[in-house]
Amino acid sequence: MATRKELDALERTFQENSLDPEEDEDDEKMRCVLPLFYDSKEEVCAEIAATAAAAAERRRREAEEKAREAEEEKRRAEERKRLKEEAVWRRKKHEEVVNSIRQYNTKTKRVEYIRFPFADFSKFNLNEISPILAMRNTGKQIHDRAYFNSINVLSVKIVSSDKGFPLNVYGNIILRDNLDKKCIYLFYRPTRRDSELINSEDQSLILTGPSRGLVLTDYIYIEVDLKMKLGQGKDKQLSIGLLDIDGRVAPRVPTTEVQCCTLESSLSTVEVRYALVKEATEATVEFQVLKGDFKGKITAHTTRIHDRMLLHDSRACGAVTSSDGSRVIELLRRVLAVCVDEVLFISAEPEGVDTLVKKFTPSLSGSQSDVFDWGAVKLGVKVTWSVISF
C-alpha cells in the first residue's frame, strides 16, 4: 500500500508534467477525486499517467485548433486583399478602355463612342474575332421552327468627302451581334498597301463579310474605322465611329424597304444600306469551276429585295485550286440571310455572255446544288442552309 510520502511525490510529478503552469479546472477536479489510498503503487502511477496524458492530448488538440483558425483567418485576409486589388485593377483597366474609345466628333461637336462600349473591358477583348462559324447547324435535325431576324448589308458608300474624289480608302468595318458581340468583319483592308480606289459617292466599298448569319434580337453594332491614303505616308482619318441597328423595332419595319444609317465624322459621311430579313435562315454559297475559265460577276438577291449583293468579281479575285484538286471560285462574300418564305436568286454574269439565274428555296438545314452552263464554261454552285440560332 502506497504511503503518503509516495503519493505526494507522484502528485508533484503530475504537476511538473502539466503543459499549463496554471492549474485548470479539470486538474483541480481530478485532484479532488484522487483517492488517498490505492491497493498498489502501480495503480497510482497508471491513474496519474492516464490523467496527465488525457490533459496533454486535450491541450494539443486545442493548440492545433487555434493554429488552424489562425491559418484560416490569414488565408481569408489574403483572399480579401487579393480580391480588393483585383477589383481595383479591373476597374482601372475598364476605365482605360472606355476612355480610349471615346472621341470628340468634329462633325457633330460631341464626344461620342467610336467602338462598342457595352462590356466589362477587364474581361472583354474588343479585337477578338468571333469564333462562331457559318453552317454550324447544317447537320442538325431541326424540329422547332424558332427563327430569328437578321439583316443583309447591301452596300457601304462614302456619300460625301471633305477632300473630294477619288479616294484611296483602307481600314475596316466591324459588325457585332448578340451571339457573342465579337468582331465580324464586313470590310477588311488593314494597311495602306491594301487601299481601295473610290472614284465617286456612287461607288460602294467592296465588302468581304459577314462570315456567318447575323442575329438581330437586340442590336447589331457597326464600327467604322476608315482612313485615306495620301502621299508620303501622311494619311488621314476619313471616318470613325459607331452605328447601331435596333432589332427591337424590327417587327414594325417592312421587309420590302431598304433601310440605311449614316455616320458623319472626320472628313466624310458614310452610308450603310441594309435589308431586314425576318424569320431568317443562313445561306452559304460555294462555286466550283467545272469547265473553262469564268470572267465576270456573281451576285445574289432575294424575292423582296432586288438590290444585288456582289459575291464575286473576277477583276478583284479569281479561281484557286483546293486541297482536293478542284478549282474553286474565290468569293468576296459567301454568307447571306434569306427569309424562309422567300427565294434566293443567284446570278452569274460572264463577260460577253447572257446572264444566267438560279433559284434556291430556303431550308433549315441541308444543301442544294445546280450548274451554270454556257457551253465553254461551266460552274457548279452549292448553297448550304443552316438555321440562325443561339
Protein backbone atom coordinates (compact mmCIF):
# COMPACT_ATOMS: atom_id res chain seq x y z
CA MET A 1 0.00 0.00 0.00
CA ALA A 2 1.32 3.47 -1.01
CA THR A 3 2.41 5.80 1.74
CA ARG A 4 1.53 9.47 1.98
CA LYS A 5 5.09 10.39 1.05
CA GLU A 6 4.91 8.40 -2.13
CA LEU A 7 1.54 9.93 -3.06
CA ASP A 8 2.95 13.45 -2.57
CA ALA A 9 5.88 12.62 -4.82
CA LEU A 10 3.56 11.33 -7.58
CA GLU A 11 1.39 14.43 -7.33
CA ARG A 12 4.47 16.67 -7.74
CA THR A 13 5.42 14.65 -10.82
CA PHE A 14 1.97 15.18 -12.30
CA GLN A 15 2.19 18.94 -11.72
CA GLU A 16 5.62 19.11 -13.38
CA ASN A 17 4.28 17.29 -16.48
CA SER A 18 1.37 19.69 -16.90
CA LEU A 19 1.64 21.89 -20.10
CA ASP A 20 -0.10 24.81 -18.42
CA PRO A 21 1.74 26.39 -15.46
CA GLU A 22 -1.58 27.40 -14.00
CA GLU A 23 -3.76 24.52 -12.91
CA ASP A 24 -7.04 24.48 -14.79
CA GLU A 25 -10.42 23.48 -13.53
CA ASP A 26 -10.14 19.88 -14.79
CA ASP A 27 -6.88 19.35 -12.93
CA GLU A 28 -8.45 20.64 -9.72
CA LYS A 29 -11.38 18.28 -10.08
CA MET A 30 -9.01 15.43 -10.74
CA ARG A 31 -7.12 16.07 -7.51
CA CYS A 32 -10.34 16.31 -5.53
CA VAL A 33 -11.37 12.84 -6.56
CA LEU A 34 -7.91 11.35 -6.28
CA PRO A 35 -8.20 8.56 -3.75
CA LEU A 36 -5.94 8.72 -0.79
CA PHE A 37 -5.16 5.04 -0.76
CA TYR A 38 -4.66 2.54 -3.56
CA ASP A 39 -4.19 -1.17 -3.47
CA SER A 40 -0.76 -0.81 -5.10
CA LYS A 41 1.83 1.69 -6.21
CA GLU A 42 1.39 0.60 -9.82
CA GLU A 43 -2.30 1.54 -9.84
CA VAL A 44 -1.48 5.02 -8.56
CA CYS A 45 1.13 5.57 -11.25
CA ALA A 46 -1.17 4.31 -14.01
CA GLU A 47 -4.07 6.51 -12.93
CA ILE A 48 -1.95 9.66 -12.70
CA ALA A 49 -0.23 8.93 -16.02
CA ALA A 50 -3.56 8.40 -17.81
CA THR A 51 -4.96 11.63 -16.44
CA ALA A 52 -1.84 13.55 -17.41
CA ALA A 53 -1.91 12.05 -20.93
CA ALA A 54 -5.57 12.99 -21.41
CA ALA A 55 -4.91 16.58 -20.33
CA ALA A 56 -1.90 16.82 -22.63
CA GLU A 57 -3.91 15.44 -25.59
CA ARG A 58 -6.69 17.93 -24.92
CA ARG A 59 -4.22 20.83 -24.84
CA ARG A 60 -2.59 19.57 -28.05
CA ARG A 61 -5.95 19.47 -29.83
CA GLU A 62 -6.82 22.97 -28.57
CA ALA A 63 -3.46 24.28 -29.78
CA GLU A 64 -3.95 22.67 -33.21
CA GLU A 65 -7.46 24.12 -33.50
CA LYS A 66 -6.19 27.61 -32.62
CA ALA A 67 -3.43 27.22 -35.21
CA ARG A 68 -5.95 26.15 -37.86
CA GLU A 69 -8.20 29.08 -37.03
CA ALA A 70 -5.28 31.48 -37.24
CA GLU A 71 -4.19 29.99 -40.57
CA GLU A 72 -7.74 30.18 -41.95
CA GLU A 73 -8.09 33.79 -40.86
CA LYS A 74 -4.76 34.58 -42.50
CA ARG A 75 -5.92 32.89 -45.72
CA ARG A 76 -9.20 34.82 -45.67
CA ALA A 77 -7.39 38.08 -45.12
CA GLU A 78 -5.05 37.36 -48.02
CA GLU A 79 -8.05 36.44 -50.23
CA ARG A 80 -9.85 39.67 -49.28
CA LYS A 81 -6.72 41.62 -50.12
CA ARG A 82 -6.31 39.82 -53.45
CA LEU A 83 -9.96 40.41 -54.43
CA LYS A 84 -9.71 44.07 -53.50
CA GLU A 85 -6.54 44.52 -55.56
CA GLU A 86 -8.11 42.62 -58.47
CA ALA A 87 -11.25 44.80 -58.32
CA VAL A 88 -9.10 47.94 -58.39
CA TRP A 89 -7.13 46.57 -61.36
CA ARG A 90 -10.30 45.58 -63.25
CA ARG A 91 -11.90 48.97 -62.68
CA LYS A 92 -8.74 50.74 -63.83
CA LYS A 93 -8.44 48.59 -66.96
CA HIS A 94 -12.14 49.05 -67.81
CA GLU A 95 -11.88 52.82 -67.41
CA GLU A 96 -8.75 52.93 -69.58
CA VAL A 97 -10.52 51.13 -72.43
CA VAL A 98 -13.68 53.23 -72.10
CA ASN A 99 -11.63 56.42 -72.23
CA SER A 100 -9.75 55.17 -75.29
CA ILE A 101 -12.96 54.55 -77.29
CA ARG A 102 -14.48 57.99 -76.60
CA GLN A 103 -13.59 60.70 -79.06
CA TYR A 104 -14.66 64.21 -79.98
CA ASN A 105 -16.57 64.25 -83.28
CA THR A 106 -15.76 67.41 -85.21
CA LYS A 107 -18.89 66.98 -87.34
CA THR A 108 -21.45 66.65 -84.54
CA LYS A 109 -19.47 68.66 -81.96
CA ARG A 110 -19.97 65.94 -79.35
CA VAL A 111 -17.86 63.38 -77.54
CA GLU A 112 -19.02 60.01 -78.84
CA TYR A 113 -18.12 56.35 -78.62
CA ILE A 114 -16.20 55.13 -81.64
CA ARG A 115 -16.39 51.45 -80.67
CA PHE A 116 -18.80 49.10 -78.89
CA PRO A 117 -18.90 50.27 -75.25
CA PHE A 118 -21.30 47.88 -73.50
CA ALA A 119 -18.99 45.29 -71.95
CA ASP A 120 -16.72 44.68 -68.98
CA PHE A 121 -13.40 45.53 -70.61
CA SER A 122 -11.41 43.94 -67.81
CA LYS A 123 -12.53 40.66 -69.41
CA PHE A 124 -13.82 41.55 -72.90
CA ASN A 125 -11.32 41.87 -75.77
CA LEU A 126 -12.59 44.41 -78.30
CA ASN A 127 -10.39 42.96 -81.06
CA GLU A 128 -11.25 39.28 -80.66
CA ILE A 129 -12.76 37.75 -83.80
CA SER A 130 -15.97 35.79 -83.36
CA PRO A 131 -15.19 32.05 -83.30
CA ILE A 132 -18.75 31.16 -84.36
CA LEU A 133 -18.72 29.93 -87.96
CA ALA A 134 -21.25 29.57 -90.74
CA MET A 135 -23.06 26.27 -91.36
CA ARG A 136 -22.83 25.28 -87.69
CA ASN A 137 -26.40 23.88 -87.68
CA THR A 138 -26.37 22.32 -91.16
CA GLY A 139 -26.18 18.73 -89.99
CA LYS A 140 -28.68 19.07 -87.14
CA GLN A 141 -32.24 17.83 -87.15
CA ILE A 142 -34.40 20.92 -86.66
CA HIS A 143 -37.81 20.22 -85.15
CA ASP A 144 -38.88 23.61 -83.79
CA ARG A 145 -39.48 26.47 -86.24
CA ALA A 146 -37.92 29.10 -83.98
CA TYR A 147 -36.50 31.71 -86.33
CA PHE A 148 -34.55 34.86 -85.55
CA ASN A 149 -34.48 38.08 -87.52
CA SER A 150 -31.33 39.02 -89.40
CA ILE A 151 -30.02 41.57 -91.88
CA ASN A 152 -28.16 41.68 -95.18
CA VAL A 153 -25.80 44.62 -95.58
CA LEU A 154 -26.33 45.68 -99.18
CA SER A 155 -23.72 48.40 -99.55
CA VAL A 156 -21.42 50.84 -97.78
CA LYS A 157 -20.73 54.14 -99.53
CA ILE A 158 -18.81 57.31 -98.79
CA VAL A 159 -21.61 59.64 -99.79
CA SER A 160 -19.65 62.82 -99.11
CA SER A 161 -15.99 63.67 -98.69
CA ASP A 162 -14.38 66.89 -97.48
CA LYS A 163 -11.39 66.00 -99.67
CA GLY A 164 -13.42 65.24 -102.77
CA PHE A 165 -12.86 62.22 -105.01
CA PRO A 166 -11.11 59.97 -105.93
CA LEU A 167 -10.06 58.49 -102.57
CA ASN A 168 -7.74 55.64 -101.69
CA VAL A 169 -9.51 54.04 -98.75
CA TYR A 170 -8.31 51.42 -96.27
CA GLY A 171 -9.27 50.32 -92.75
CA ASN A 172 -12.07 48.12 -91.51
CA ILE A 173 -15.78 47.92 -90.75
CA ILE A 174 -16.82 45.52 -87.99
CA LEU A 175 -20.22 44.05 -87.14
CA ARG A 176 -21.22 42.76 -83.69
CA ASP A 177 -24.41 40.86 -82.93
CA ASN A 178 -25.99 39.40 -79.82
CA LEU A 179 -24.49 35.92 -80.22
CA ASP A 180 -21.16 36.89 -78.70
CA LYS A 181 -20.60 40.60 -79.53
CA LYS A 182 -17.21 39.75 -81.04
CA CYS A 183 -15.73 41.03 -84.29
CA ILE A 184 -17.25 40.02 -87.63
CA TYR A 185 -15.51 41.82 -90.46
CA LEU A 186 -17.66 43.41 -93.15
CA PHE A 187 -14.79 45.33 -94.78
CA TYR A 188 -11.15 44.49 -94.14
CA ARG A 189 -8.21 46.32 -95.70
CA PRO A 190 -5.88 46.73 -92.72
CA THR A 191 -2.90 48.54 -94.29
CA ARG A 192 -2.40 51.35 -96.76
CA ARG A 193 -0.99 48.82 -99.23
CA ASP A 194 -4.50 47.25 -99.35
CA SER A 195 -6.29 50.51 -100.15
CA GLU A 196 -9.30 50.57 -102.49
CA LEU A 197 -9.82 53.36 -105.02
CA ILE A 198 -13.21 55.08 -104.68
CA ASN A 199 -13.92 57.38 -107.61
CA SER A 200 -17.27 58.89 -106.60
CA GLU A 201 -20.02 58.94 -103.98
CA ASP A 202 -21.96 56.38 -106.03
CA GLN A 203 -19.27 53.70 -105.76
CA SER A 204 -19.64 51.11 -102.98
CA LEU A 205 -16.82 49.65 -100.96
CA ILE A 206 -16.11 46.03 -101.86
CA LEU A 207 -17.49 44.12 -98.87
CA THR A 208 -15.92 40.86 -97.69
CA GLY A 209 -18.35 39.73 -94.99
CA PRO A 210 -20.07 38.80 -92.80
CA SER A 211 -18.59 35.37 -92.20
CA ARG A 212 -21.85 33.97 -90.74
CA GLY A 213 -25.53 34.80 -90.44
CA LEU A 214 -26.22 37.68 -88.05
CA VAL A 215 -28.75 37.59 -85.22
CA LEU A 216 -30.94 40.67 -84.80
CA THR A 217 -32.58 40.14 -81.41
CA ASP A 218 -31.36 43.28 -79.68
CA TYR A 219 -28.84 45.45 -81.50
CA ILE A 220 -26.33 44.93 -84.27
CA TYR A 221 -23.42 47.34 -83.85
CA ILE A 222 -21.34 48.68 -86.74
CA GLU A 223 -17.85 50.03 -86.05
CA VAL A 224 -16.38 52.16 -88.83
CA ASP A 225 -12.66 52.96 -88.98
CA LEU A 226 -11.62 54.17 -92.45
CA LYS A 227 -8.52 56.09 -93.46
CA MET A 228 -7.50 57.79 -96.70
CA LYS A 229 -4.08 57.18 -98.17
CA LEU A 230 -2.16 60.31 -99.08
CA GLY A 231 1.30 60.84 -100.50
CA GLN A 232 4.44 60.22 -98.46
CA GLY A 233 2.54 58.36 -95.74
CA LYS A 234 0.65 61.40 -94.47
CA ASP A 235 -2.62 59.51 -94.19
CA LYS A 236 -5.73 60.95 -92.54
CA GLN A 237 -8.75 59.59 -90.71
CA LEU A 238 -11.59 59.54 -93.21
CA SER A 239 -14.34 58.18 -90.95
CA ILE A 240 -14.52 56.72 -87.46
CA GLY A 241 -17.48 55.99 -85.22
CA LEU A 242 -20.23 53.65 -84.09
CA LEU A 243 -23.63 52.90 -85.64
CA ASP A 244 -26.36 50.57 -84.44
CA ILE A 245 -29.36 48.75 -85.86
CA ASP A 246 -32.18 48.38 -83.33
CA GLY A 247 -33.69 44.90 -83.53
CA ARG A 248 -36.44 45.81 -81.09
CA VAL A 249 -38.28 47.78 -83.77
CA ALA A 250 -37.87 45.03 -86.37
CA PRO A 251 -41.49 43.80 -86.12
CA ARG A 252 -42.68 47.25 -87.23
CA VAL A 253 -40.23 47.56 -90.14
CA PRO A 254 -41.45 46.40 -93.59
CA THR A 255 -39.16 43.84 -95.22
CA THR A 256 -39.72 45.33 -98.68
CA GLU A 257 -37.86 48.55 -97.87
CA VAL A 258 -34.13 49.10 -97.80
CA GLN A 259 -33.00 50.79 -94.57
CA CYS A 260 -29.95 52.96 -94.11
CA CYS A 261 -27.91 54.57 -91.35
CA THR A 262 -25.25 57.24 -91.76
CA LEU A 263 -22.15 58.25 -89.85
CA GLU A 264 -20.86 61.81 -90.02
CA SER A 265 -17.33 62.05 -88.71
CA SER A 266 -13.81 63.22 -89.50
CA LEU A 267 -13.69 64.06 -93.22
CA SER A 268 -16.70 62.23 -94.64
CA THR A 269 -20.20 60.84 -94.33
CA VAL A 270 -20.56 57.07 -94.62
CA GLU A 271 -23.87 55.42 -95.51
CA VAL A 272 -24.67 51.80 -94.66
CA ARG A 273 -27.62 50.33 -96.56
CA TYR A 274 -29.18 47.13 -95.28
CA ALA A 275 -32.29 44.98 -95.58
CA LEU A 276 -34.17 43.42 -92.69
CA VAL A 277 -34.69 39.67 -93.02
CA LYS A 278 -37.45 38.26 -90.82
CA GLU A 279 -37.55 34.56 -89.89
CA ALA A 280 -34.11 34.15 -91.41
CA THR A 281 -32.05 31.15 -92.34
CA GLU A 282 -28.38 31.26 -93.33
CA ALA A 283 -27.24 30.53 -96.89
CA THR A 284 -23.57 29.76 -97.53
CA VAL A 285 -22.63 29.83 -101.23
CA GLU A 286 -19.81 27.91 -102.93
CA PHE A 287 -18.73 27.85 -106.59
CA GLN A 288 -16.60 25.30 -108.40
CA VAL A 289 -15.16 25.65 -111.92
CA LEU A 290 -16.21 22.55 -113.86
CA LYS A 291 -15.09 23.72 -117.30
CA GLY A 292 -13.24 26.67 -118.83
CA ASP A 293 -12.47 29.98 -117.13
CA PHE A 294 -15.06 32.32 -115.68
CA LYS A 295 -14.62 36.06 -116.16
CA GLY A 296 -17.35 38.29 -114.82
CA LYS A 297 -19.51 38.87 -111.75
CA ILE A 298 -21.70 36.76 -109.47
CA THR A 299 -24.46 38.47 -107.50
CA ALA A 300 -27.37 37.45 -105.27
CA HIS A 301 -30.71 38.89 -104.20
CA THR A 302 -33.94 37.72 -102.58
CA THR A 303 -37.61 37.83 -103.50
CA ARG A 304 -38.50 41.09 -101.76
CA ILE A 305 -35.19 42.97 -102.01
CA HIS A 306 -33.89 43.33 -105.54
CA ASP A 307 -30.64 45.11 -104.65
CA ARG A 308 -27.89 42.75 -105.72
CA MET A 309 -25.13 41.76 -103.33
CA LEU A 310 -21.78 41.24 -105.03
CA LEU A 311 -20.36 37.78 -104.30
CA HIS A 312 -17.60 37.64 -106.90
CA ASP A 313 -15.84 39.93 -109.34
CA SER A 314 -13.08 38.39 -111.46
CA ARG A 315 -11.30 41.77 -111.52
CA ALA A 316 -10.84 41.51 -107.75
CA CYS A 317 -10.35 37.76 -107.32
CA GLY A 318 -10.24 34.61 -109.43
CA ALA A 319 -10.22 30.85 -109.04
CA VAL A 320 -7.94 28.82 -106.79
CA THR A 321 -7.13 25.13 -106.57
CA SER A 322 -8.49 23.48 -103.45
CA SER A 323 -6.88 20.67 -101.47
CA ASP A 324 -8.79 18.01 -103.44
CA GLY A 325 -7.53 19.34 -106.77
CA SER A 326 -10.75 21.08 -107.83
CA ARG A 327 -10.83 24.72 -108.93
CA VAL A 328 -12.88 26.87 -106.60
CA ILE A 329 -14.11 30.41 -107.28
CA GLU A 330 -12.91 32.88 -104.66
CA LEU A 331 -15.88 34.76 -103.25
CA LEU A 332 -15.76 38.24 -101.76
CA ARG A 333 -18.66 37.27 -99.52
CA ARG A 334 -20.36 33.92 -99.30
CA VAL A 335 -22.93 34.16 -96.47
CA LEU A 336 -26.42 35.63 -96.87
CA ALA A 337 -29.60 35.69 -94.81
CA VAL A 338 -32.83 34.57 -96.51
CA CYS A 339 -36.38 34.56 -95.18
CA VAL A 340 -37.75 31.03 -95.08
CA ASP A 341 -40.78 32.17 -97.11
CA GLU A 342 -38.71 33.76 -99.87
CA VAL A 343 -36.43 32.56 -102.66
CA LEU A 344 -32.70 33.16 -103.13
CA PHE A 345 -31.67 34.18 -106.66
CA ILE A 346 -28.03 33.78 -107.69
CA SER A 347 -26.99 35.43 -110.96
CA ALA A 348 -23.80 34.68 -112.90
CA GLU A 349 -22.85 37.40 -115.38
CA PRO A 350 -19.91 36.32 -117.56
CA GLU A 351 -18.32 38.88 -119.86
CA GLY A 352 -19.93 38.89 -123.29
CA VAL A 353 -22.40 36.09 -122.48
CA ASP A 354 -26.01 36.08 -121.33
CA THR A 355 -26.63 36.21 -117.60
CA LEU A 356 -27.95 33.02 -116.03
CA VAL A 357 -30.06 32.94 -112.86
CA LYS A 358 -30.63 30.02 -110.49
CA LYS A 359 -33.27 29.86 -107.78
CA PHE A 360 -32.85 28.21 -104.39
CA THR A 361 -35.61 27.53 -101.85
CA PRO A 362 -34.56 28.11 -98.21
CA SER A 363 -34.34 25.27 -95.74
CA LEU A 364 -33.37 24.90 -92.08
CA SER A 365 -30.52 22.52 -92.90
CA GLY A 366 -29.00 20.52 -95.74
CA SER A 367 -27.78 21.82 -99.12
CA GLN A 368 -28.81 22.27 -102.76
CA SER A 369 -26.66 22.18 -105.91
CA ASP A 370 -27.01 23.36 -109.51
CA VAL A 371 -24.89 24.10 -112.60
CA PHE A 372 -24.39 27.27 -114.65
CA ASP A 373 -23.67 26.10 -118.21
CA TRP A 374 -22.63 28.38 -121.08
CA GLY A 375 -21.11 25.59 -123.16
CA ALA A 376 -17.47 26.63 -123.00
CA VAL A 377 -17.75 27.45 -119.30
CA LYS A 378 -19.47 25.51 -116.55
CA LEU A 379 -19.78 26.49 -112.91
CA GLY A 380 -21.14 24.29 -110.16
CA VAL A 381 -22.94 26.12 -107.36
CA LYS A 382 -23.83 24.78 -103.93
CA VAL A 383 -25.96 26.52 -101.31
CA THR A 384 -25.74 25.16 -97.77
CA TRP A 385 -28.54 26.07 -95.37
CA SER A 386 -28.30 26.49 -91.61
CA VAL A 387 -30.84 27.84 -89.16
CA ILE A 388 -29.67 31.00 -87.39
CA SER A 389 -29.91 30.44 -83.66
CA PHE A 390 -28.07 30.75 -80.36
